[in-house]
Amino acid sequence: MQRDELERLSKSELIELVLRLQRPKKTSRTSSKPPSTDRKERRERAKPGGAKPGHEGHSRPLSDDVSERIAHRPEVCPCCRMPLAADLAAEQAGIWEHIELPAVRPVVVHHHRLAVRCPGCGTRAVAAVPVSGTPFGARLHAVATYLKTYQALSYERLQAALADLFGLRLSQGGLMNLLRRAQGRFQVGREAAVAALRRAEVVASDETGVRIEGCSGYHWVFRCQDAVVHQAAPTRAASVVHAMMDGHRPAVWLSDRYSAQQGHGLAQQTCLAHLARDVAYALEASDDPIPYRLKLWLGSAFDLADAAARLAASTLAAKRRALERRLDAILAAPSGCELTRALQAKLRRARDQLLTFVDWPGQVEATNNACERDLRPAVIQRKVTNGYRAMWAAQGEADVRTVVDTARLAPNTSVFGTILQTITP
């Protein structure tokens, strides 16, 4: 503001402006900002590293898959130095494990096509090409896809990793073609996941920004009980949701308060974790008692969400009525704090979306944390590689994540195992 604008402000407006400037900056604990934006604490106030007091120690378990077993016998008595015969009875005193990685070298096979002259008609017969298409095998495609997608390697670093670890030298163009071929194998799995999403009764969604072709784009994730679908898009508008759901309207939609993710289900559940961060900021920036009451109310709501699947319907209904009465009293309470009033207004607008999970015990979460966890690798990829060179690369990685994350809904599945199984013809 300019000086003349400040001079026209009333005393109360100046006081409000000064109070607003004195508010603490938002952090990952009090907003949706990522933890990487938080300022690090001073060394004297930082928490000490290492195990915390009372932590129970754990040792690394021995491997079940053992390549070789070697018995070591003592040769001399440590007390009297008498030689110990090899036929003395022995018992196991312990196991010491040694683990090593073998040198991995690519297996290169040259297929020689031979030609012969037909003795009958004189025609020159040439053997058919035994290997069609790419010279690279399925495991090499899987390794490159895994390193690029789940270890967030750029093309340059992927080149270096393949050369240093395996002695393979590929151009960046060759790597792009290899990854594009591999990503095409995930299209069938993606279509199956999208079909499951379009049948689901409960769907959650979230998105995060990403650079695509040098412009701002978005990485979306849609999640239901049977599938996790990732989608790269140039926009964060509701049109992405409409295209993904193709007319299907689930019973419940779980998301944050962003307008593009509202109104896609018959009922809406607002992520209470987002509201909890807003309440934490109001607690830090204000002395008003209402944010503290909201903090206690959200704690009770989280407790109810954790126990909802184990409670009887009558108990759930009674607890819901108690929470609604408490919330009504909090929202009706007068406050002189601007932050508190804004928070009350936000909760009034979301009033019918806060306790939807009670109607779906064990099926609807109170927070959208699962979607945020699904987006975390995409956020890491953005920070490490600064985005995607082309839309096909962004959507190709979204297809890989769709198949892998959907497979990981079942127990005992590995990322690389799923990639290799999908790529192997």
Protein backbone atom coordinates (compact mmCIF):
# COMPACT_ATOMS: atom_id res chain seq x y z
CA MET A 1 0.00 0.00 0.00
CA GLN A 2 1.09 3.55 -0.73
CA ARG A 3 1.44 6.24 1.95
CA ASP A 4 -1.69 8.13 0.89
CA GLU A 5 -3.73 4.92 1.07
CA LEU A 6 -2.47 4.24 4.59
CA GLU A 7 -3.35 7.79 5.67
CA ARG A 8 -6.97 7.24 4.59
CA LEU A 9 -7.34 4.12 6.76
CA SER A 10 -9.24 4.39 10.04
CA LYS A 11 -7.66 3.53 13.37
CA SER A 12 -9.38 0.14 13.55
CA GLU A 13 -8.27 -0.67 9.99
CA LEU A 14 -4.67 0.23 10.83
CA ILE A 15 -4.78 -1.96 13.94
CA GLU A 16 -6.15 -4.86 11.88
CA LEU A 17 -3.42 -4.37 9.26
CA VAL A 18 -0.65 -4.38 11.87
CA LEU A 19 -2.08 -7.51 13.50
CA ARG A 20 -2.22 -9.23 10.12
CA LEU A 21 1.41 -8.37 9.40
CA GLN A 22 2.40 -9.81 12.79
CA ARG A 23 0.87 -13.20 12.08
CA PRO A 24 3.35 -16.09 11.88
CA LYS A 25 4.22 -17.51 8.49
CA LYS A 26 2.40 -20.65 7.42
CA THR A 27 4.26 -23.95 7.58
CA SER A 28 3.51 -27.56 6.57
CA ARG A 29 1.93 -28.03 10.02
CA THR A 30 -0.47 -25.10 9.63
CA SER A 31 -1.23 -25.25 5.88
CA SER A 32 -0.94 -27.44 2.79
CA LYS A 33 2.62 -26.24 2.10
CA PRO A 34 5.14 -29.10 1.72
CA PRO A 35 7.59 -29.76 4.57
CA SER A 36 10.50 -28.83 2.29
CA THR A 37 9.42 -25.16 2.50
CA ASP A 38 9.74 -25.05 6.29
CA ARG A 39 12.68 -23.18 7.75
CA LYS A 40 15.05 -25.47 9.59
CA GLU A 41 15.30 -24.98 13.32
CA ARG A 42 18.45 -23.60 14.85
CA ARG A 43 20.92 -26.23 15.90
CA GLU A 44 20.47 -25.57 19.62
CA ARG A 45 16.69 -26.06 19.32
CA ALA A 46 16.75 -28.98 16.88
CA LYS A 47 15.71 -32.43 18.08
CA PRO A 48 18.63 -34.80 18.65
CA GLY A 49 19.07 -37.61 16.15
CA GLY A 50 19.23 -41.31 16.86
CA ALA A 51 16.91 -43.53 18.84
CA LYS A 52 14.58 -41.86 21.30
CA PRO A 53 14.58 -42.83 25.00
CA GLY A 54 12.70 -46.06 25.58
CA HIS A 55 13.04 -47.22 21.96
CA GLU A 56 13.32 -50.99 21.76
CA GLY A 57 16.30 -52.06 19.67
CA HIS A 58 15.89 -54.34 16.68
CA SER A 59 18.49 -56.31 14.76
CA ARG A 60 18.34 -57.12 11.06
CA PRO A 61 16.69 -60.51 10.49
CA LEU A 62 18.69 -63.21 8.74
CA SER A 63 17.89 -63.88 5.09
CA ASP A 64 15.69 -66.82 4.21
CA ASP A 65 17.21 -67.20 0.74
CA VAL A 66 20.73 -68.50 1.45
CA SER A 67 23.13 -69.19 -1.43
CA GLU A 68 25.75 -71.09 0.56
CA ARG A 69 26.35 -72.34 4.10
CA ILE A 70 29.89 -72.68 5.49
CA ALA A 71 30.69 -74.16 8.91
CA HIS A 72 33.67 -72.74 10.82
CA ARG A 73 35.19 -74.86 13.60
CA PRO A 74 37.68 -73.64 16.20
CA GLU A 75 41.12 -75.16 15.64
CA VAL A 76 42.79 -74.34 18.98
CA CYS A 77 41.46 -74.11 22.54
CA PRO A 78 41.58 -70.44 23.58
CA CYS A 79 42.45 -71.45 27.17
CA CYS A 80 45.23 -74.06 26.95
CA ARG A 81 46.04 -73.76 23.23
CA MET A 82 45.47 -77.51 22.72
CA PRO A 83 44.64 -78.45 19.08
CA LEU A 84 40.96 -79.43 18.62
CA ALA A 85 40.31 -82.49 16.47
CA ALA A 86 37.92 -82.18 13.54
CA ASP A 87 35.78 -85.11 14.73
CA LEU A 88 34.82 -83.53 18.07
CA ALA A 89 31.09 -83.01 18.63
CA ALA A 90 30.08 -79.41 17.84
CA GLU A 91 27.05 -77.22 18.44
CA GLN A 92 25.96 -74.03 16.71
CA ALA A 93 27.09 -70.92 18.58
CA GLY A 94 25.80 -68.30 16.17
CA ILE A 95 25.40 -67.23 12.55
CA TRP A 96 27.32 -64.42 10.88
CA GLU A 97 25.88 -63.34 7.55
CA HIS A 98 27.81 -61.94 4.60
CA ILE A 99 25.87 -60.39 1.70
CA GLU A 100 27.33 -59.37 -1.63
CA LEU A 101 25.96 -58.38 -5.00
CA PRO A 102 27.32 -60.23 -8.02
CA ALA A 103 28.73 -58.30 -10.95
CA VAL A 104 25.85 -57.77 -13.37
CA ARG A 105 26.75 -57.76 -17.03
CA PRO A 106 24.28 -57.66 -19.93
CA VAL A 107 23.68 -60.93 -21.78
CA VAL A 108 24.23 -60.14 -25.46
CA VAL A 109 23.23 -62.75 -28.03
CA HIS A 110 24.12 -62.34 -31.71
CA HIS A 111 21.69 -64.12 -34.01
CA HIS A 112 23.41 -64.94 -37.30
CA ARG A 113 21.07 -65.30 -40.24
CA LEU A 114 22.32 -67.87 -42.67
CA ALA A 115 21.46 -68.22 -46.34
CA VAL A 116 21.64 -71.35 -48.48
CA ARG A 117 21.05 -72.03 -52.14
CA CYS A 118 18.19 -74.40 -52.90
CA PRO A 119 19.63 -77.35 -54.84
CA GLY A 120 16.31 -77.88 -56.58
CA CYS A 121 15.43 -74.47 -58.04
CA GLY A 122 18.49 -72.44 -57.18
CA THR A 123 16.61 -69.93 -55.02
CA ARG A 124 18.64 -68.27 -52.27
CA ALA A 125 16.84 -69.03 -48.96
CA VAL A 126 17.53 -66.71 -45.99
CA ALA A 127 16.65 -67.56 -42.38
CA ALA A 128 13.88 -65.48 -40.83
CA VAL A 129 14.72 -62.74 -38.33
CA PRO A 130 14.56 -64.50 -34.91
CA VAL A 131 14.21 -61.26 -32.94
CA SER A 132 11.67 -58.69 -34.11
CA GLY A 133 11.40 -55.05 -33.07
CA THR A 134 13.68 -53.76 -30.33
CA PRO A 135 17.01 -55.41 -29.51
CA PHE A 136 16.38 -54.82 -25.78
CA GLY A 137 14.78 -57.47 -23.58
CA ALA A 138 11.86 -57.24 -21.16
CA ARG A 139 14.00 -57.06 -18.01
CA LEU A 140 16.03 -54.16 -19.41
CA HIS A 141 12.79 -52.34 -20.24
CA ALA A 142 11.55 -53.02 -16.68
CA VAL A 143 14.79 -51.81 -15.04
CA ALA A 144 14.81 -48.58 -17.06
CA THR A 145 11.11 -47.96 -16.32
CA TYR A 146 11.63 -48.61 -12.61
CA LEU A 147 14.65 -46.28 -12.36
CA LYS A 148 12.99 -43.51 -14.39
CA THR A 149 9.58 -43.66 -12.73
CA TYR A 150 10.21 -44.74 -9.14
CA GLN A 151 13.76 -43.50 -8.54
CA ALA A 152 13.15 -40.20 -10.38
CA LEU A 153 16.26 -40.39 -12.56
CA SER A 154 16.61 -37.89 -15.38
CA TYR A 155 17.61 -39.19 -18.81
CA GLU A 156 21.20 -38.12 -18.20
CA ARG A 157 21.39 -39.85 -14.81
CA LEU A 158 19.62 -42.92 -16.20
CA GLN A 159 22.24 -43.09 -18.95
CA ALA A 160 24.99 -42.92 -16.33
CA ALA A 161 23.36 -45.54 -14.10
CA LEU A 162 22.99 -48.07 -16.92
CA ALA A 163 26.57 -47.45 -18.05
CA ASP A 164 28.13 -47.59 -14.57
CA LEU A 165 26.12 -50.52 -13.19
CA PHE A 166 25.64 -52.70 -16.26
CA GLY A 167 28.09 -51.46 -18.88
CA LEU A 168 25.21 -50.49 -21.20
CA ARG A 169 25.60 -47.37 -23.31
CA LEU A 170 22.35 -46.00 -24.71
CA SER A 171 21.60 -42.62 -26.22
CA GLN A 172 18.90 -40.42 -24.74
CA GLY A 173 16.84 -40.97 -27.88
CA GLY A 174 17.22 -44.72 -27.48
CA LEU A 175 16.14 -44.44 -23.84
CA MET A 176 13.06 -42.43 -24.81
CA ASN A 177 12.04 -45.05 -27.37
CA LEU A 178 12.67 -47.83 -24.84
CA LEU A 179 10.54 -46.14 -22.18
CA ARG A 180 7.77 -45.35 -24.63
CA ARG A 181 7.58 -49.00 -25.69
CA ALA A 182 7.54 -50.14 -22.06
CA GLN A 183 4.85 -47.64 -21.05
CA GLY A 184 2.61 -48.90 -23.86
CA ARG A 185 2.40 -52.27 -22.07
CA PHE A 186 0.56 -50.62 -19.17
CA GLN A 187 -2.39 -49.39 -21.22
CA VAL A 188 -4.47 -52.55 -20.68
CA GLY A 189 -3.95 -52.43 -16.90
CA ARG A 190 -4.83 -48.75 -16.86
CA GLU A 191 -8.09 -49.38 -18.71
CA ALA A 192 -9.03 -52.08 -16.19
CA ALA A 193 -8.30 -49.67 -13.30
CA VAL A 194 -10.38 -46.90 -14.90
CA ALA A 195 -13.26 -49.35 -15.39
CA ALA A 196 -13.10 -50.28 -11.69
CA LEU A 197 -13.08 -46.58 -10.76
CA ARG A 198 -16.20 -45.97 -12.83
CA ARG A 199 -18.05 -48.67 -10.87
CA ALA A 200 -16.95 -47.55 -7.39
CA GLU A 201 -19.34 -46.20 -4.77
CA VAL A 202 -16.64 -44.23 -2.94
CA VAL A 203 -14.01 -42.22 -4.84
CA ALA A 204 -11.28 -39.89 -3.54
CA SER A 205 -9.29 -37.41 -5.63
CA ASP A 206 -6.41 -34.98 -5.38
CA GLU A 207 -3.92 -33.23 -7.66
CA THR A 208 -0.54 -31.51 -7.60
CA GLY A 209 1.30 -29.21 -9.97
CA VAL A 210 3.95 -30.49 -12.39
CA ARG A 211 5.86 -29.07 -15.36
CA ILE A 212 4.93 -30.63 -18.73
CA GLU A 213 6.57 -29.44 -21.96
CA GLY A 214 7.84 -26.36 -20.14
CA CYS A 215 4.36 -25.29 -19.02
CA SER A 216 2.34 -25.68 -15.85
CA GLY A 217 0.45 -28.97 -15.75
CA TYR A 218 -1.13 -31.20 -13.13
CA HIS A 219 -0.82 -34.74 -11.90
CA TRP A 220 -4.19 -36.07 -10.75
CA VAL A 221 -4.95 -39.17 -8.72
CA PHE A 222 -8.31 -40.92 -8.28
CA ARG A 223 -8.66 -43.66 -5.72
CA CYS A 224 -11.30 -46.24 -4.84
CA GLN A 225 -11.32 -49.56 -3.01
CA ASP A 226 -10.18 -51.57 -6.05
CA ALA A 227 -8.07 -49.14 -8.10
CA VAL A 228 -5.73 -46.15 -8.06
CA VAL A 229 -5.73 -44.13 -11.28
CA HIS A 230 -3.15 -41.45 -12.12
CA GLN A 231 -3.78 -38.88 -14.84
CA ALA A 232 -1.56 -36.18 -16.35
CA ALA A 233 -3.48 -33.10 -17.51
CA PRO A 234 -2.72 -29.53 -18.58
CA THR A 235 -5.40 -28.18 -16.22
CA ARG A 236 -6.78 -28.64 -12.70
CA ALA A 237 -10.34 -27.84 -13.78
CA ALA A 238 -13.35 -30.06 -13.15
CA SER A 239 -13.25 -31.14 -16.81
CA VAL A 240 -10.52 -33.62 -15.86
CA VAL A 241 -12.86 -35.28 -13.36
CA HIS A 242 -15.75 -35.34 -15.85
CA ALA A 243 -13.58 -37.00 -18.50
CA MET A 244 -12.24 -39.55 -16.02
CA MET A 245 -15.61 -40.56 -14.56
CA ASP A 246 -17.44 -40.53 -17.93
CA GLY A 247 -20.82 -39.82 -16.37
CA HIS A 248 -20.46 -42.11 -13.35
CA ARG A 249 -21.56 -40.42 -10.12
CA PRO A 250 -20.41 -42.32 -7.01
CA ALA A 251 -22.29 -42.30 -3.74
CA VAL A 252 -19.49 -40.43 -1.89
CA TRP A 253 -16.66 -38.22 -3.15
CA LEU A 254 -13.72 -37.47 -0.84
CA SER A 255 -11.47 -34.47 -1.50
CA ASP A 256 -10.28 -31.16 -0.16
CA ARG A 257 -12.30 -27.95 -0.46
CA TYR A 258 -11.04 -26.98 -3.94
CA SER A 259 -14.11 -26.22 -6.06
CA ALA A 260 -13.07 -28.37 -9.06
CA GLN A 261 -13.18 -31.45 -6.83
CA GLN A 262 -16.59 -30.67 -5.35
CA GLY A 263 -20.00 -31.92 -6.44
CA HIS A 264 -18.98 -35.11 -8.24
CA GLY A 265 -20.73 -37.53 -5.85
CA LEU A 266 -24.18 -37.83 -4.35
CA ALA A 267 -22.54 -36.92 -1.02
CA GLN A 268 -19.22 -35.19 -0.24
CA GLN A 269 -16.66 -35.82 2.49
CA THR A 270 -14.29 -32.93 3.09
CA CYS A 271 -10.76 -33.87 4.13
CA LEU A 272 -10.60 -33.04 7.85
CA ALA A 273 -6.79 -33.03 7.78
CA HIS A 274 -6.84 -29.87 5.64
CA LEU A 275 -9.19 -28.21 8.13
CA ALA A 276 -6.98 -29.34 11.01
CA ARG A 277 -4.02 -27.48 9.48
CA ASP A 278 -6.12 -24.33 9.13
CA VAL A 279 -7.11 -24.66 12.79
CA ALA A 280 -3.46 -25.15 13.78
CA TYR A 281 -2.55 -21.89 12.04
CA ALA A 282 -5.38 -20.02 13.77
CA LEU A 283 -4.17 -21.40 17.12
CA GLU A 284 -0.65 -20.19 16.41
CA ALA A 285 -1.64 -16.75 15.14
CA SER A 286 -4.46 -15.91 17.56
CA ASP A 287 -5.34 -16.01 21.25
CA ASP A 288 -9.01 -16.60 20.49
CA PRO A 289 -10.40 -19.69 22.31
CA ILE A 290 -12.56 -20.87 19.39
CA PRO A 291 -9.69 -22.44 17.39
CA TYR A 292 -8.78 -24.51 20.45
CA ARG A 293 -12.38 -25.71 20.70
CA LEU A 294 -12.25 -26.61 17.01
CA LYS A 295 -9.03 -28.54 17.61
CA LEU A 296 -10.74 -30.59 20.33
CA TRP A 297 -13.75 -31.13 18.07
CA LEU A 298 -11.57 -32.39 15.21
CA GLY A 299 -9.77 -34.72 17.63
CA SER A 300 -13.12 -36.23 18.60
CA ALA A 301 -14.06 -36.57 14.92
CA PHE A 302 -10.78 -38.38 14.14
CA ASP A 303 -11.35 -40.73 17.10
CA LEU A 304 -14.84 -41.50 15.82
CA ALA A 305 -13.49 -42.19 12.31
CA ASP A 306 -10.95 -44.66 13.71
CA ALA A 307 -13.59 -46.52 15.71
CA ALA A 308 -16.54 -46.23 13.30
CA ALA A 309 -16.22 -49.74 11.83
CA ARG A 310 -16.36 -51.30 15.31
CA LEU A 311 -19.34 -49.36 16.69
CA ALA A 312 -23.02 -50.22 16.53
CA ALA A 313 -25.28 -48.06 14.36
CA SER A 314 -27.07 -46.59 17.39
CA THR A 315 -23.77 -45.67 19.05
CA LEU A 316 -22.53 -44.03 15.85
CA ALA A 317 -25.74 -42.00 15.55
CA ALA A 318 -25.51 -40.83 19.16
CA LYS A 319 -21.87 -39.79 18.79
CA ARG A 320 -22.66 -37.97 15.57
CA ARG A 321 -25.46 -36.00 17.20
CA ALA A 322 -23.12 -35.03 20.04
CA LEU A 323 -20.47 -33.83 17.56
CA GLU A 324 -23.04 -31.84 15.61
CA ARG A 325 -24.30 -30.10 18.76
CA ARG A 326 -20.74 -29.19 19.75
CA LEU A 327 -20.01 -27.87 16.26
CA ASP A 328 -23.20 -25.81 16.17
CA ALA A 329 -22.17 -24.14 19.43
CA ILE A 330 -18.66 -23.43 18.12
CA LEU A 331 -19.91 -21.95 14.83
CA ALA A 332 -22.46 -19.76 16.63
CA ALA A 333 -19.92 -18.37 19.12
CA PRO A 334 -19.01 -14.68 18.51
CA SER A 335 -15.38 -13.82 17.87
CA GLY A 336 -13.38 -10.66 17.39
CA CYS A 337 -10.61 -12.42 15.49
CA GLU A 338 -10.68 -12.19 11.70
CA LEU A 339 -8.95 -15.57 11.30
CA THR A 340 -11.47 -17.27 13.55
CA ARG A 341 -14.42 -15.74 11.72
CA ALA A 342 -12.99 -16.88 8.38
CA LEU A 343 -12.52 -20.36 9.82
CA GLN A 344 -16.09 -20.42 11.10
CA ALA A 345 -17.36 -19.34 7.69
CA LYS A 346 -15.38 -22.09 5.95
CA LEU A 347 -16.82 -24.71 8.30
CA ARG A 348 -20.36 -23.39 7.80
CA ARG A 349 -19.97 -23.79 4.02
CA ALA A 350 -18.72 -27.36 4.53
CA ARG A 351 -21.20 -28.13 7.30
CA ASP A 352 -22.88 -31.07 5.54
CA GLN A 353 -19.53 -32.54 4.37
CA LEU A 354 -17.72 -32.98 7.67
CA LEU A 355 -19.28 -36.16 9.06
CA THR A 356 -20.28 -38.07 5.92
CA PHE A 357 -17.88 -40.85 6.93
CA VAL A 358 -20.24 -41.78 9.79
CA ASP A 359 -22.83 -42.96 7.23
CA TRP A 360 -20.20 -45.22 5.63
CA PRO A 361 -18.31 -46.79 8.55
CA GLY A 362 -15.07 -48.38 7.45
CA GLN A 363 -15.60 -47.37 3.80
CA VAL A 364 -15.11 -43.59 3.80
CA GLU A 365 -12.07 -42.02 5.44
CA ALA A 366 -12.18 -38.73 7.32
CA THR A 367 -9.03 -37.54 5.56
CA ASN A 368 -7.67 -37.67 2.03
CA ASN A 369 -4.21 -38.75 3.20
CA ALA A 370 -4.21 -41.87 0.98
CA CYS A 371 -4.38 -39.73 -2.17
CA GLU A 372 -1.66 -37.44 -0.84
CA ARG A 373 0.58 -40.47 -0.31
CA ASP A 374 -0.14 -41.59 -3.87
CA LEU A 375 0.92 -38.15 -5.15
CA ARG A 376 4.13 -37.96 -3.13
CA PRO A 377 6.31 -39.79 -5.74
CA ALA A 378 5.08 -37.37 -8.41
CA VAL A 379 6.06 -34.44 -6.20
CA ILE A 380 9.53 -35.93 -5.71
CA GLN A 381 9.84 -36.48 -9.46
CA ARG A 382 8.96 -32.83 -10.08
CA LYS A 383 11.57 -31.59 -7.62
CA VAL A 384 14.34 -33.88 -8.90
CA THR A 385 13.83 -33.70 -12.68
CA ASN A 386 11.85 -30.44 -13.02
CA GLY A 387 9.05 -32.11 -14.92
CA TYR A 388 8.49 -33.86 -18.26
CA ARG A 389 9.73 -33.02 -21.72
CA ALA A 390 6.57 -34.28 -23.42
CA MET A 391 2.96 -35.09 -22.55
CA TRP A 392 3.41 -38.72 -23.64
CA ALA A 393 6.12 -39.11 -20.98
CA ALA A 394 3.90 -37.62 -18.25
CA GLN A 395 0.91 -39.76 -19.20
CA GLY A 396 3.12 -42.83 -19.70
CA GLU A 397 4.46 -42.55 -16.15
CA ALA A 398 0.89 -41.99 -14.93
CA ASP A 399 -0.08 -45.29 -16.60
CA VAL A 400 2.83 -47.09 -14.90
CA ARG A 401 1.87 -45.66 -11.50
CA THR A 402 -1.77 -46.63 -12.11
CA VAL A 403 -0.95 -50.30 -12.70
CA VAL A 404 1.64 -50.51 -9.90
CA ASP A 405 -0.43 -48.65 -7.26
CA THR A 406 -3.52 -50.69 -8.11
CA ALA A 407 -1.51 -53.91 -7.75
CA ARG A 408 -0.14 -52.69 -4.40
CA LEU A 409 -3.66 -52.60 -2.98
CA ALA A 410 -3.15 -56.36 -2.61
CA PRO A 411 -0.61 -57.57 -0.02
CA ASN A 412 2.90 -58.80 -0.81
CA THR A 413 3.37 -57.07 -4.16
CA SER A 414 6.56 -55.33 -5.21
CA VAL A 415 6.98 -52.37 -7.54
CA PHE A 416 9.65 -53.92 -9.75
CA GLY A 417 7.89 -57.30 -9.81
CA THR A 418 4.69 -55.70 -11.08
CA ILE A 419 6.57 -53.70 -13.74
CA LEU A 420 8.46 -56.77 -14.97
CA GLN A 421 5.33 -58.91 -15.06
CA THR A 422 3.45 -56.23 -17.04
CA ILE A 423 6.21 -55.69 -19.58
CA THR A 424 7.10 -59.36 -20.13
CA PRO A 425 5.08 -60.66 -23.11
